[in-house]
C-alpha atoms as a PDB file:
ATOM      1  CA  UNK A   1      79.966  21.348 -17.414  1.00  0.00           C
ATOM      2  CA  UNK A   2      76.669  21.643 -15.581  1.00  0.00           C
ATOM      3  CA  UNK A   3      76.293  24.483 -13.106  1.00  0.00           C
ATOM      4  CA  UNK A   4      73.749  24.536 -10.330  1.00  0.00           C
ATOM      5  CA  UNK A   5      71.493  27.547 -10.758  1.00  0.00           C
ATOM      6  CA  UNK A   6      69.289  28.262  -7.772  1.00  0.00           C
ATOM      7  CA  UNK A   7      65.654  28.657  -8.815  1.00  0.00           C
ATOM      8  CA  UNK A   8      63.884  31.917  -8.050  1.00  0.00           C
ATOM      9  CA  UNK A   9      60.577  30.455  -6.882  1.00  0.00           C
ATOM     10  CA  UNK A  10      58.796  27.195  -6.142  1.00  0.00           C
ATOM     11  CA  UNK A  11      57.167  26.875  -9.551  1.00  0.00           C
ATOM     12  CA  UNK A  12      60.440  27.288 -11.450  1.00  0.00           C
ATOM     13  CA  UNK A  13      62.148  24.826  -9.102  1.00  0.00           C
ATOM     14  CA  UNK A  14      59.497  22.156  -9.608  1.00  0.00           C
ATOM     15  CA  UNK A  15      59.401  22.645 -13.377  1.00  0.00           C
ATOM     16  CA  UNK A  16      63.202  22.367 -13.527  1.00  0.00           C
ATOM     17  CA  UNK A  17      63.066  19.143 -11.492  1.00  0.00           C
ATOM     18  CA  UNK A  18      60.530  17.749 -13.949  1.00  0.00           C
ATOM     19  CA  UNK A  19      62.517  18.936 -16.958  1.00  0.00           C
ATOM     20  CA  UNK A  20      65.632  17.129 -15.678  1.00  0.00           C
ATOM     21  CA  UNK A  21      63.611  13.996 -14.802  1.00  0.00           C
ATOM     22  CA  UNK A  22      64.557  14.400 -11.142  1.00  0.00           C
ATOM     23  CA  UNK A  23      61.123  15.196  -9.715  1.00  0.00           C
ATOM     24  CA  UNK A  24      60.673  11.667  -8.313  1.00  0.00           C
ATOM     25  CA  UNK A  25      64.112  11.915  -6.648  1.00  0.00           C
ATOM     26  CA  UNK A  26      63.056  15.236  -5.120  1.00  0.00           C
ATOM     27  CA  UNK A  27      59.950  13.624  -3.630  1.00  0.00           C
ATOM     28  CA  UNK A  28      62.075  10.760  -2.268  1.00  0.00           C
ATOM     29  CA  UNK A  29      64.498  13.213  -0.673  1.00  0.00           C
ATOM     30  CA  UNK A  30      61.691  15.232   0.940  1.00  0.00           C
ATOM     31  CA  UNK A  31      60.061  12.080   2.322  1.00  0.00           C
ATOM     32  CA  UNK A  32      63.419  10.822   3.611  1.00  0.00           C
ATOM     33  CA  UNK A  33      64.383  14.032   5.422  1.00  0.00           C
ATOM     34  CA  UNK A  34      60.938  14.622   6.919  1.00  0.00           C
ATOM     35  CA  UNK A  35      60.802  11.056   8.201  1.00  0.00           C
ATOM     36  CA  UNK A  36      64.344  11.382   9.554  1.00  0.00           C
ATOM     37  CA  UNK A  37      63.117  14.425  11.498  1.00  0.00           C
ATOM     38  CA  UNK A  38      60.192  12.353  12.856  1.00  0.00           C
ATOM     39  CA  UNK A  39      57.694  14.476  10.946  1.00  0.00           C
ATOM     40  CA  UNK A  40      56.198  11.735   8.858  1.00  0.00           C
ATOM     41  CA  UNK A  41      55.092  12.704   5.397  1.00  0.00           C
ATOM     42  CA  UNK A  42      54.523  10.336   2.554  1.00  0.00           C
ATOM     43  CA  UNK A  43      54.231  12.161  -0.720  1.00  0.00           C
ATOM     44  CA  UNK A  44      53.457   9.443  -3.265  1.00  0.00           C
ATOM     45  CA  UNK A  45      55.358   9.476  -6.558  1.00  0.00           C
ATOM     46  CA  UNK A  46      52.045  10.367  -8.201  1.00  0.00           C
ATOM     47  CA  UNK A  47      51.940  13.718  -6.358  1.00  0.00           C
ATOM     48  CA  UNK A  48      51.777  16.540  -8.882  1.00  0.00           C
ATOM     49  CA  UNK A  49      54.068  19.554  -8.449  1.00  0.00           C
ATOM     50  CA  UNK A  50      51.083  21.731  -7.558  1.00  0.00           C
ATOM     51  CA  UNK A  51      49.889  19.224  -4.933  1.00  0.00           C
ATOM     52  CA  UNK A  52      53.397  18.998  -3.496  1.00  0.00           C
ATOM     53  CA  UNK A  53      53.629  22.777  -3.262  1.00  0.00           C
ATOM     54  CA  UNK A  54      50.276  23.071  -1.457  1.00  0.00           C
ATOM     55  CA  UNK A  55      50.737  20.082   0.869  1.00  0.00           C
ATOM     56  CA  UNK A  56      54.267  21.081   1.849  1.00  0.00           C
ATOM     57  CA  UNK A  57      53.081  24.629   2.574  1.00  0.00           C
ATOM     58  CA  UNK A  58      50.256  23.285   4.771  1.00  0.00           C
ATOM     59  CA  UNK A  59      52.648  20.974   6.643  1.00  0.00           C
ATOM     60  CA  UNK A  60      55.113  23.790   7.350  1.00  0.00           C
ATOM     61  CA  UNK A  61      52.286  26.105   8.416  1.00  0.00           C
ATOM     62  CA  UNK A  62      51.031  23.518  10.938  1.00  0.00           C
ATOM     63  CA  UNK A  63      54.543  22.880  12.254  1.00  0.00           C
ATOM     64  CA  UNK A  64      55.224  26.582  12.807  1.00  0.00           C
ATOM     65  CA  UNK A  65      51.889  27.087  14.506  1.00  0.00           C
ATOM     66  CA  UNK A  66      51.614  23.956  16.657  1.00  0.00           C
ATOM     67  CA  UNK A  67      55.001  22.192  16.840  1.00  0.00           C
ATOM     68  CA  UNK A  68      57.670  24.878  16.713  1.00  0.00           C
ATOM     69  CA  UNK A  69      60.497  22.785  18.233  1.00  0.00           C
ATOM     70  CA  UNK A  70      59.849  20.048  15.649  1.00  0.00           C
ATOM     71  CA  UNK A  71      59.826  22.703  12.915  1.00  0.00           C
ATOM     72  CA  UNK A  72      63.264  23.941  14.004  1.00  0.00           C
ATOM     73  CA  UNK A  73      64.541  20.358  14.136  1.00  0.00           C
ATOM     74  CA  UNK A  74      63.273  19.761  10.596  1.00  0.00           C
ATOM     75  CA  UNK A  75      65.080  22.842   9.299  1.00  0.00           C
ATOM     76  CA  UNK A  76      68.261  21.629  10.991  1.00  0.00           C
ATOM     77  CA  UNK A  77      68.006  18.137   9.494  1.00  0.00           C
ATOM     78  CA  UNK A  78      67.267  19.436   6.009  1.00  0.00           C
ATOM     79  CA  UNK A  79      70.092  21.955   6.477  1.00  0.00           C
ATOM     80  CA  UNK A  80      68.207  25.140   5.652  1.00  0.00           C
ATOM     81  CA  UNK A  81      70.557  28.050   6.463  1.00  0.00           C
ATOM     82  CA  UNK A  82      69.545  29.628   9.770  1.00  0.00           C
ATOM     83  CA  UNK A  83      70.548  33.105   8.633  1.00  0.00           C
ATOM     84  CA  UNK A  84      68.245  32.871   5.615  1.00  0.00           C
ATOM     85  CA  UNK A  85      65.291  31.898   7.806  1.00  0.00           C
ATOM     86  CA  UNK A  86      66.050  34.720  10.248  1.00  0.00           C
ATOM     87  CA  UNK A  87      65.863  37.250   7.397  1.00  0.00           C
ATOM     88  CA  UNK A  88      62.251  36.304   6.590  1.00  0.00           C
ATOM     89  CA  UNK A  89      59.396  38.492   7.776  1.00  0.00           C
ATOM     90  CA  UNK A  90      57.442  36.506  10.349  1.00  0.00           C
ATOM     91  CA  UNK A  91      54.464  38.852  10.713  1.00  0.00           C
ATOM     92  CA  UNK A  92      52.239  36.861   8.337  1.00  0.00           C
ATOM     93  CA  UNK A  93      52.337  33.157   9.198  1.00  0.00           C
ATOM     94  CA  UNK A  94      50.880  32.066   5.856  1.00  0.00           C
ATOM     95  CA  UNK A  95      53.499  34.039   3.935  1.00  0.00           C
ATOM     96  CA  UNK A  96      56.292  32.856   6.244  1.00  0.00           C
ATOM     97  CA  UNK A  97      55.351  29.201   5.825  1.00  0.00           C
ATOM     98  CA  UNK A  98      55.256  29.642   2.046  1.00  0.00           C
ATOM     99  CA  UNK A  99      58.748  31.175   2.056  1.00  0.00           C
ATOM    100  CA  UNK A 100      60.119  28.458   4.341  1.00  0.00           C
ATOM    101  CA  UNK A 101      58.558  25.797   2.111  1.00  0.00           C
ATOM    102  CA  UNK A 102      60.481  27.284  -0.798  1.00  0.00           C
ATOM    103  CA  UNK A 103      63.724  27.273   1.211  1.00  0.00           C
ATOM    104  CA  UNK A 104      63.154  23.610   2.066  1.00  0.00           C
ATOM    105  CA  UNK A 105      62.426  22.716  -1.549  1.00  0.00           C
ATOM    106  CA  UNK A 106      65.476  24.677  -2.687  1.00  0.00           C
ATOM    107  CA  UNK A 107      67.781  22.834  -0.261  1.00  0.00           C
ATOM    108  CA  UNK A 108      66.284  19.442  -1.134  1.00  0.00           C
ATOM    109  CA  UNK A 109      66.597  20.241  -4.847  1.00  0.00           C
ATOM    110  CA  UNK A 110      70.251  21.163  -4.333  1.00  0.00           C
ATOM    111  CA  UNK A 111      70.915  17.766  -2.706  1.00  0.00           C
ATOM    112  CA  UNK A 112      69.166  15.877  -5.509  1.00  0.00           C
ATOM    113  CA  UNK A 113      70.799  17.903  -8.271  1.00  0.00           C
ATOM    114  CA  UNK A 114      74.337  17.495  -6.913  1.00  0.00           C
ATOM    115  CA  UNK A 115      73.875  13.778  -6.263  1.00  0.00           C
ATOM    116  CA  UNK A 116      72.715  13.335  -9.858  1.00  0.00           C
ATOM    117  CA  UNK A 117      75.468  15.417 -11.464  1.00  0.00           C
ATOM    118  CA  UNK A 118      78.501  14.441  -9.364  1.00  0.00           C
END
């Protein structure tokens, strides 16, 4: 029986996705949900985990700073728990966007993992 174990940080999440050969599915899921939220991103399959981490962080940072309503809509569509986001410290925007990027990746990884295992 496979159990879903939530990763502790972005790097461990991305390495686990690669290890399970689900990294490309993770990219597909991110692209799908962002596009569904009308926040077009197109991470090519050739995107490395480090590039994905940086580009996703930059995208979230820009959304928080310039398009807050769209940012909230994106979190709703991806289904990031509102309570978890509310617990984050919003004093440093760079840090906040990094933490939210991890929450997004974690939720997207959960979707991909469950779809693959069940």
